[in-house]
Amino acid sequence: MTLSRLVLWRHGETDYNAAGRMQGHLDSVLTDVGRKQAQFAVPALARFSADLIVASDLKRATDTATIFAEAAGVPLRFDKRLRETHLGLWQGMTGPQVDEQWPGARQLWQTDPAWTPPGGEARVEVAARAAEVVAELDESAEGTAVLAAHGGLITALTGHLLELPVAAWAKLGGIGNCHWVVLARRASSGLAWRLIAYNAGITG
């Protein structure tokens, strides 16, 4: 059994997003805007005819995923390996606060997926743990799976699954709240993933 399509869906807006704070593993909550974003995305995501949805166990992702699962009647489970990048000492801080205490470090982090924030983890590590989830789904499911996760994880996992050089991952842009990436396999290309859509979504 193998998956034919993956939809990587970022959670809705959180209180930390609205305040410009870095979240990482902190358990921030959806704002009213974030909940409406998730509700608004349901009809578009339903067109993928997902067979299951697997969500990060952080509340902002579980709540986003639950909105879709309940509306679409899709089985839902949680996996902590889909958590966002652990940002160590940066968690809860704003970008300017990080820049003041660690001049130049945030730019390194943004451009080098192998660079690790103090006390945190590198995006190559994030991609590796998320790829384990995909590999296990390949062994147990087929059709379409939605992974409800986080922006940093989604870009890292996309680079990993497309087999892009690590140095090129930084060329992938950010993912908006409640936007998604679509990866698919074509029978003639074996198990290789192809990028179908990036940072797609409904705005309104």
C-alpha atoms as a PDB file:
ATOM      1  CA  MET A   1       0.000   0.000   0.000  1.00  0.00           C
ATOM      2  CA  THR A   2       1.227   3.488  -0.773  1.00  0.00           C
ATOM      3  CA  LEU A   3      -0.250   6.946  -0.643  1.00  0.00           C
ATOM      4  CA  SER A   4      -1.031   8.623  -3.933  1.00  0.00           C
ATOM      5  CA  ARG A   5      -1.412  12.132  -2.558  1.00  0.00           C
ATOM      6  CA  LEU A   6      -0.401  14.189   0.492  1.00  0.00           C
ATOM      7  CA  VAL A   7      -1.980  17.462   1.568  1.00  0.00           C
ATOM      8  CA  LEU A   8       0.146  19.335   4.117  1.00  0.00           C
ATOM      9  CA  TRP A   9      -2.151  21.817   5.855  1.00  0.00           C
ATOM     10  CA  ARG A  10      -1.018  24.565   8.216  1.00  0.00           C
ATOM     11  CA  HIS A  11      -3.128  25.443  11.257  1.00  0.00           C
ATOM     12  CA  GLY A  12      -5.233  28.603  11.503  1.00  0.00           C
ATOM     13  CA  GLU A  13      -4.126  31.876  13.037  1.00  0.00           C
ATOM     14  CA  THR A  14      -3.169  31.710  16.729  1.00  0.00           C
ATOM     15  CA  ASP A  15      -2.844  34.261  19.474  1.00  0.00           C
ATOM     16  CA  TYR A  16       0.946  34.038  19.063  1.00  0.00           C
ATOM     17  CA  ASN A  17       0.690  34.569  15.289  1.00  0.00           C
ATOM     18  CA  ALA A  18      -1.413  37.667  15.886  1.00  0.00           C
ATOM     19  CA  ALA A  19       1.135  38.987  18.405  1.00  0.00           C
ATOM     20  CA  GLY A  20       4.156  38.213  16.206  1.00  0.00           C
ATOM     21  CA  ARG A  21       5.614  35.705  18.676  1.00  0.00           C
ATOM     22  CA  MET A  22       7.540  32.560  17.828  1.00  0.00           C
ATOM     23  CA  GLN A  23       5.678  29.431  18.907  1.00  0.00           C
ATOM     24  CA  GLY A  24       7.684  26.265  18.352  1.00  0.00           C
ATOM     25  CA  HIS A  25       6.407  23.677  20.830  1.00  0.00           C
ATOM     26  CA  LEU A  26       4.468  26.201  22.911  1.00  0.00           C
ATOM     27  CA  ASP A  27       0.770  25.331  22.950  1.00  0.00           C
ATOM     28  CA  SER A  28      -0.829  28.485  21.578  1.00  0.00           C
ATOM     29  CA  VAL A  29      -4.544  28.596  20.738  1.00  0.00           C
ATOM     30  CA  LEU A  30      -6.546  29.522  17.669  1.00  0.00           C
ATOM     31  CA  THR A  31      -8.038  32.993  17.494  1.00  0.00           C
ATOM     32  CA  ASP A  32     -11.584  33.528  16.247  1.00  0.00           C
ATOM     33  CA  VAL A  33      -9.994  34.399  12.907  1.00  0.00           C
ATOM     34  CA  GLY A  34      -8.081  31.105  12.957  1.00  0.00           C
ATOM     35  CA  ARG A  35     -11.228  29.072  13.554  1.00  0.00           C
ATOM     36  CA  LYS A  36     -13.014  30.851  10.731  1.00  0.00           C
ATOM     37  CA  GLN A  37     -10.035  30.211   8.443  1.00  0.00           C
ATOM     38  CA  ALA A  38     -10.283  26.484   9.167  1.00  0.00           C
ATOM     39  CA  GLN A  39     -14.052  26.445   8.608  1.00  0.00           C
ATOM     40  CA  PHE A  40     -13.635  28.373   5.363  1.00  0.00           C
ATOM     41  CA  ALA A  41     -11.024  25.876   4.109  1.00  0.00           C
ATOM     42  CA  VAL A  42     -13.211  22.811   4.697  1.00  0.00           C
ATOM     43  CA  PRO A  43     -15.067  22.792   1.314  1.00  0.00           C
ATOM     44  CA  ALA A  44     -11.819  23.213  -0.629  1.00  0.00           C
ATOM     45  CA  LEU A  45     -10.026  20.478   1.304  1.00  0.00           C
ATOM     46  CA  ALA A  46     -13.043  18.172   1.052  1.00  0.00           C
ATOM     47  CA  ARG A  47     -12.549  18.086  -2.717  1.00  0.00           C
ATOM     48  CA  PHE A  48      -9.362  16.074  -2.153  1.00  0.00           C
ATOM     49  CA  SER A  49     -11.523  13.198  -0.817  1.00  0.00           C
ATOM     50  CA  ALA A  50      -9.082  12.515   1.996  1.00  0.00           C
ATOM     51  CA  ASP A  51      -9.048   9.032   3.503  1.00  0.00           C
ATOM     52  CA  LEU A  52      -7.645  10.219   6.833  1.00  0.00           C
ATOM     53  CA  ILE A  53      -6.136  13.222   8.576  1.00  0.00           C
ATOM     54  CA  VAL A  54      -3.159  13.068  10.920  1.00  0.00           C
ATOM     55  CA  ALA A  55      -2.488  16.113  13.078  1.00  0.00           C
ATOM     56  CA  SER A  56       0.284  17.426  15.269  1.00  0.00           C
ATOM     57  CA  ASP A  57      -0.637  17.030  18.923  1.00  0.00           C
ATOM     58  CA  LEU A  58      -0.190  20.759  19.578  1.00  0.00           C
ATOM     59  CA  LYS A  59      -3.562  22.376  20.246  1.00  0.00           C
ATOM     60  CA  ARG A  60      -3.499  24.813  17.337  1.00  0.00           C
ATOM     61  CA  ALA A  61      -3.142  21.886  14.908  1.00  0.00           C
ATOM     62  CA  THR A  62      -5.520  19.491  16.674  1.00  0.00           C
ATOM     63  CA  ASP A  63      -8.260  22.124  16.801  1.00  0.00           C
ATOM     64  CA  THR A  64      -7.770  23.009  13.129  1.00  0.00           C
ATOM     65  CA  ALA A  65      -7.825  19.331  12.134  1.00  0.00           C
ATOM     66  CA  THR A  66     -10.888  18.595  14.259  1.00  0.00           C
ATOM     67  CA  ILE A  67     -12.892  21.272  12.463  1.00  0.00           C
ATOM     68  CA  PHE A  68     -12.179  19.567   9.139  1.00  0.00           C
ATOM     69  CA  ALA A  69     -12.555  15.989  10.381  1.00  0.00           C
ATOM     70  CA  GLU A  70     -15.952  16.636  11.952  1.00  0.00           C
ATOM     71  CA  ALA A  71     -17.277  18.540   8.941  1.00  0.00           C
ATOM     72  CA  ALA A  72     -15.964  16.085   6.343  1.00  0.00           C
ATOM     73  CA  GLY A  73     -16.400  12.849   8.309  1.00  0.00           C
ATOM     74  CA  VAL A  74     -12.752  11.909   7.912  1.00  0.00           C
ATOM     75  CA  PRO A  75     -10.932   9.741  10.501  1.00  0.00           C
ATOM     76  CA  LEU A  76      -8.521  11.782  12.634  1.00  0.00           C
ATOM     77  CA  ARG A  77      -5.510  10.807  14.686  1.00  0.00           C
ATOM     78  CA  PHE A  78      -2.654  12.681  16.319  1.00  0.00           C
ATOM     79  CA  ASP A  79       1.119  12.287  16.138  1.00  0.00           C
ATOM     80  CA  LYS A  80       3.638  14.337  18.110  1.00  0.00           C
ATOM     81  CA  ARG A  81       6.224  13.874  15.350  1.00  0.00           C
ATOM     82  CA  LEU A  82       4.260  16.471  13.365  1.00  0.00           C
ATOM     83  CA  ARG A  83       4.997  19.199  15.915  1.00  0.00           C
ATOM     84  CA  GLU A  84       6.582  22.439  14.782  1.00  0.00           C
ATOM     85  CA  THR A  85      10.328  23.005  15.060  1.00  0.00           C
ATOM     86  CA  HIS A  86      11.428  23.280  18.674  1.00  0.00           C
ATOM     87  CA  LEU A  87      12.844  26.800  18.882  1.00  0.00           C
ATOM     88  CA  GLY A  88      14.555  26.411  22.247  1.00  0.00           C
ATOM     89  CA  LEU A  89      15.271  29.730  23.946  1.00  0.00           C
ATOM     90  CA  TRP A  90      13.492  31.640  21.192  1.00  0.00           C
ATOM     91  CA  GLN A  91      10.048  30.250  21.986  1.00  0.00           C
ATOM     92  CA  GLY A  92       7.623  32.970  23.018  1.00  0.00           C
ATOM     93  CA  MET A  93       9.862  35.763  21.752  1.00  0.00           C
ATOM     94  CA  THR A  94       9.250  38.213  18.925  1.00  0.00           C
ATOM     95  CA  GLY A  95      11.624  38.470  15.983  1.00  0.00           C
ATOM     96  CA  PRO A  96      13.085  41.795  17.180  1.00  0.00           C
ATOM     97  CA  GLN A  97      13.705  40.320  20.638  1.00  0.00           C
ATOM     98  CA  VAL A  98      15.626  37.418  19.110  1.00  0.00           C
ATOM     99  CA  ASP A  99      17.612  39.789  16.901  1.00  0.00           C
ATOM    100  CA  GLU A 100      18.571  41.896  19.895  1.00  0.00           C
ATOM    101  CA  GLN A 101      19.909  38.970  21.928  1.00  0.00           C
ATOM    102  CA  TRP A 102      21.317  36.872  19.047  1.00  0.00           C
ATOM    103  CA  PRO A 103      22.321  39.312  16.280  1.00  0.00           C
ATOM    104  CA  GLY A 104      22.357  37.609  12.876  1.00  0.00           C
ATOM    105  CA  ALA A 105      21.211  34.242  14.247  1.00  0.00           C
ATOM    106  CA  ARG A 106      17.662  34.411  12.905  1.00  0.00           C
ATOM    107  CA  GLN A 107      18.972  34.995   9.386  1.00  0.00           C
ATOM    108  CA  LEU A 108      21.182  31.920   9.742  1.00  0.00           C
ATOM    109  CA  TRP A 109      18.191  29.904  10.907  1.00  0.00           C
ATOM    110  CA  GLN A 110      16.082  31.121   7.985  1.00  0.00           C
ATOM    111  CA  THR A 111      18.692  30.253   5.373  1.00  0.00           C
ATOM    112  CA  ASP A 112      20.361  27.101   6.730  1.00  0.00           C
ATOM    113  CA  PRO A 113      18.016  24.165   7.544  1.00  0.00           C
ATOM    114  CA  ALA A 114      20.868  22.408   9.355  1.00  0.00           C
ATOM    115  CA  TRP A 115      21.383  25.322  11.785  1.00  0.00           C
ATOM    116  CA  THR A 116      19.934  24.883  15.260  1.00  0.00           C
ATOM    117  CA  PRO A 117      18.472  27.662  17.440  1.00  0.00           C
ATOM    118  CA  PRO A 118      19.918  27.654  20.970  1.00  0.00           C
ATOM    119  CA  GLY A 119      18.344  24.759  22.833  1.00  0.00           C
ATOM    120  CA  GLY A 120      16.165  23.835  19.862  1.00  0.00           C
ATOM    121  CA  GLU A 121      16.291  21.610  16.791  1.00  0.00           C
ATOM    122  CA  ALA A 122      17.257  22.026  13.153  1.00  0.00           C
ATOM    123  CA  ARG A 123      14.723  21.779  10.344  1.00  0.00           C
ATOM    124  CA  VAL A 124      16.540  18.773   8.904  1.00  0.00           C
ATOM    125  CA  GLU A 125      15.678  17.003  12.164  1.00  0.00           C
ATOM    126  CA  VAL A 126      12.066  18.150  11.882  1.00  0.00           C
ATOM    127  CA  ALA A 127      11.850  16.819   8.325  1.00  0.00           C
ATOM    128  CA  ALA A 128      13.295  13.461   9.379  1.00  0.00           C
ATOM    129  CA  ARG A 129      10.725  12.884  12.130  1.00  0.00           C
ATOM    130  CA  ALA A 130       7.841  14.012   9.919  1.00  0.00           C
ATOM    131  CA  ALA A 131       9.052  11.747   7.103  1.00  0.00           C
ATOM    132  CA  GLU A 132       8.723   8.798   9.499  1.00  0.00           C
ATOM    133  CA  VAL A 133       4.991   9.540   9.691  1.00  0.00           C
ATOM    134  CA  VAL A 134       4.714   9.567   5.896  1.00  0.00           C
ATOM    135  CA  ALA A 135       6.658   6.299   5.615  1.00  0.00           C
ATOM    136  CA  GLU A 136       4.347   4.606   8.108  1.00  0.00           C
ATOM    137  CA  LEU A 137       1.277   5.878   6.266  1.00  0.00           C
ATOM    138  CA  ASP A 138       2.712   4.424   3.063  1.00  0.00           C
ATOM    139  CA  GLU A 139       2.742   1.021   4.742  1.00  0.00           C
ATOM    140  CA  SER A 140      -0.778   1.217   6.155  1.00  0.00           C
ATOM    141  CA  ALA A 141      -2.871   3.467   3.923  1.00  0.00           C
ATOM    142  CA  GLU A 142      -3.534   4.422   0.338  1.00  0.00           C
ATOM    143  CA  GLY A 143      -5.273   7.273  -1.410  1.00  0.00           C
ATOM    144  CA  THR A 144      -5.019  10.762   0.104  1.00  0.00           C
ATOM    145  CA  ALA A 145      -3.797  11.755   3.565  1.00  0.00           C
ATOM    146  CA  VAL A 146      -3.983  15.228   5.062  1.00  0.00           C
ATOM    147  CA  LEU A 147      -1.309  16.172   7.585  1.00  0.00           C
ATOM    148  CA  ALA A 148      -2.416  19.086   9.784  1.00  0.00           C
ATOM    149  CA  ALA A 149       0.777  20.657  11.016  1.00  0.00           C
ATOM    150  CA  HIS A 150       2.899  23.811  11.084  1.00  0.00           C
ATOM    151  CA  GLY A 151       4.580  26.139   8.614  1.00  0.00           C
ATOM    152  CA  GLY A 152       8.193  25.297   9.405  1.00  0.00           C
ATOM    153  CA  LEU A 153       7.534  21.573   9.402  1.00  0.00           C
ATOM    154  CA  ILE A 154       5.612  21.748   6.132  1.00  0.00           C
ATOM    155  CA  THR A 155       8.372  23.550   4.244  1.00  0.00           C
ATOM    156  CA  ALA A 156      11.019  21.190   5.654  1.00  0.00           C
ATOM    157  CA  LEU A 157       9.006  18.067   4.866  1.00  0.00           C
ATOM    158  CA  THR A 158       8.275  19.354   1.368  1.00  0.00           C
ATOM    159  CA  GLY A 159      11.975  19.849   0.666  1.00  0.00           C
ATOM    160  CA  HIS A 160      12.755  16.404   2.064  1.00  0.00           C
ATOM    161  CA  LEU A 161      10.049  14.536   0.139  1.00  0.00           C
ATOM    162  CA  LEU A 162      10.942  16.280  -3.118  1.00  0.00           C
ATOM    163  CA  GLU A 163      14.575  15.255  -2.511  1.00  0.00           C
ATOM    164  CA  LEU A 164      15.748  18.840  -2.896  1.00  0.00           C
ATOM    165  CA  PRO A 165      19.296  19.637  -1.760  1.00  0.00           C
ATOM    166  CA  VAL A 166      19.148  20.859   1.823  1.00  0.00           C
ATOM    167  CA  ALA A 167      20.772  24.125   0.772  1.00  0.00           C
ATOM    168  CA  ALA A 168      17.799  24.751  -1.552  1.00  0.00           C
ATOM    169  CA  TRP A 169      15.089  24.353   1.111  1.00  0.00           C
ATOM    170  CA  ALA A 170      15.336  28.039   1.993  1.00  0.00           C
ATOM    171  CA  LYS A 171      14.066  28.835  -1.517  1.00  0.00           C
ATOM    172  CA  LEU A 172      10.659  27.483  -0.514  1.00  0.00           C
ATOM    173  CA  GLY A 173       8.459  30.323   0.684  1.00  0.00           C
ATOM    174  CA  GLY A 174       6.434  30.377   3.878  1.00  0.00           C
ATOM    175  CA  ILE A 175       2.997  28.840   4.279  1.00  0.00           C
ATOM    176  CA  GLY A 176       0.089  31.093   5.240  1.00  0.00           C
ATOM    177  CA  ASN A 177      -2.280  30.199   8.043  1.00  0.00           C
ATOM    178  CA  CYS A 178      -4.697  27.494   6.860  1.00  0.00           C
ATOM    179  CA  HIS A 179      -2.915  27.221   3.498  1.00  0.00           C
ATOM    180  CA  TRP A 180      -1.601  23.954   2.147  1.00  0.00           C
ATOM    181  CA  VAL A 181       0.896  22.094  -0.022  1.00  0.00           C
ATOM    182  CA  VAL A 182      -0.153  19.244  -2.319  1.00  0.00           C
ATOM    183  CA  LEU A 183       2.241  16.449  -3.266  1.00  0.00           C
ATOM    184  CA  ALA A 184       1.244  13.576  -5.550  1.00  0.00           C
ATOM    185  CA  ARG A 185       2.678  10.485  -7.139  1.00  0.00           C
ATOM    186  CA  ARG A 186       2.270   9.529 -10.777  1.00  0.00           C
ATOM    187  CA  ALA A 187       2.187   5.806 -11.569  1.00  0.00           C
ATOM    188  CA  SER A 188       4.928   6.166 -14.164  1.00  0.00           C
ATOM    189  CA  SER A 189       7.272   7.855 -11.676  1.00  0.00           C
ATOM    190  CA  GLY A 190       7.176   5.132  -9.031  1.00  0.00           C
ATOM    191  CA  LEU A 191       7.373   6.396  -5.470  1.00  0.00           C
ATOM    192  CA  ALA A 192       8.721   9.842  -6.314  1.00  0.00           C
ATOM    193  CA  TRP A 193       6.676  12.779  -5.023  1.00  0.00           C
ATOM    194  CA  ARG A 194       5.833  15.705  -7.316  1.00  0.00           C
ATOM    195  CA  LEU A 195       4.803  19.190  -6.224  1.00  0.00           C
ATOM    196  CA  ILE A 196       1.267  19.970  -7.386  1.00  0.00           C
ATOM    197  CA  ALA A 197       0.447  23.093  -5.350  1.00  0.00           C
ATOM    198  CA  TYR A 198       2.329  25.244  -2.844  1.00  0.00           C
ATOM    199  CA  ASN A 199       0.873  27.700  -0.327  1.00  0.00           C
ATOM    200  CA  ALA A 200      -2.572  27.220  -1.833  1.00  0.00           C
ATOM    201  CA  GLY A 201      -5.630  28.308   0.067  1.00  0.00           C
ATOM    202  CA  ILE A 202      -8.837  30.236   0.332  1.00  0.00           C
ATOM    203  CA  THR A 203      -8.729  33.841   1.462  1.00  0.00           C
ATOM    204  CA  GLY A 204     -11.661  35.908   2.493  1.00  0.00           C
END
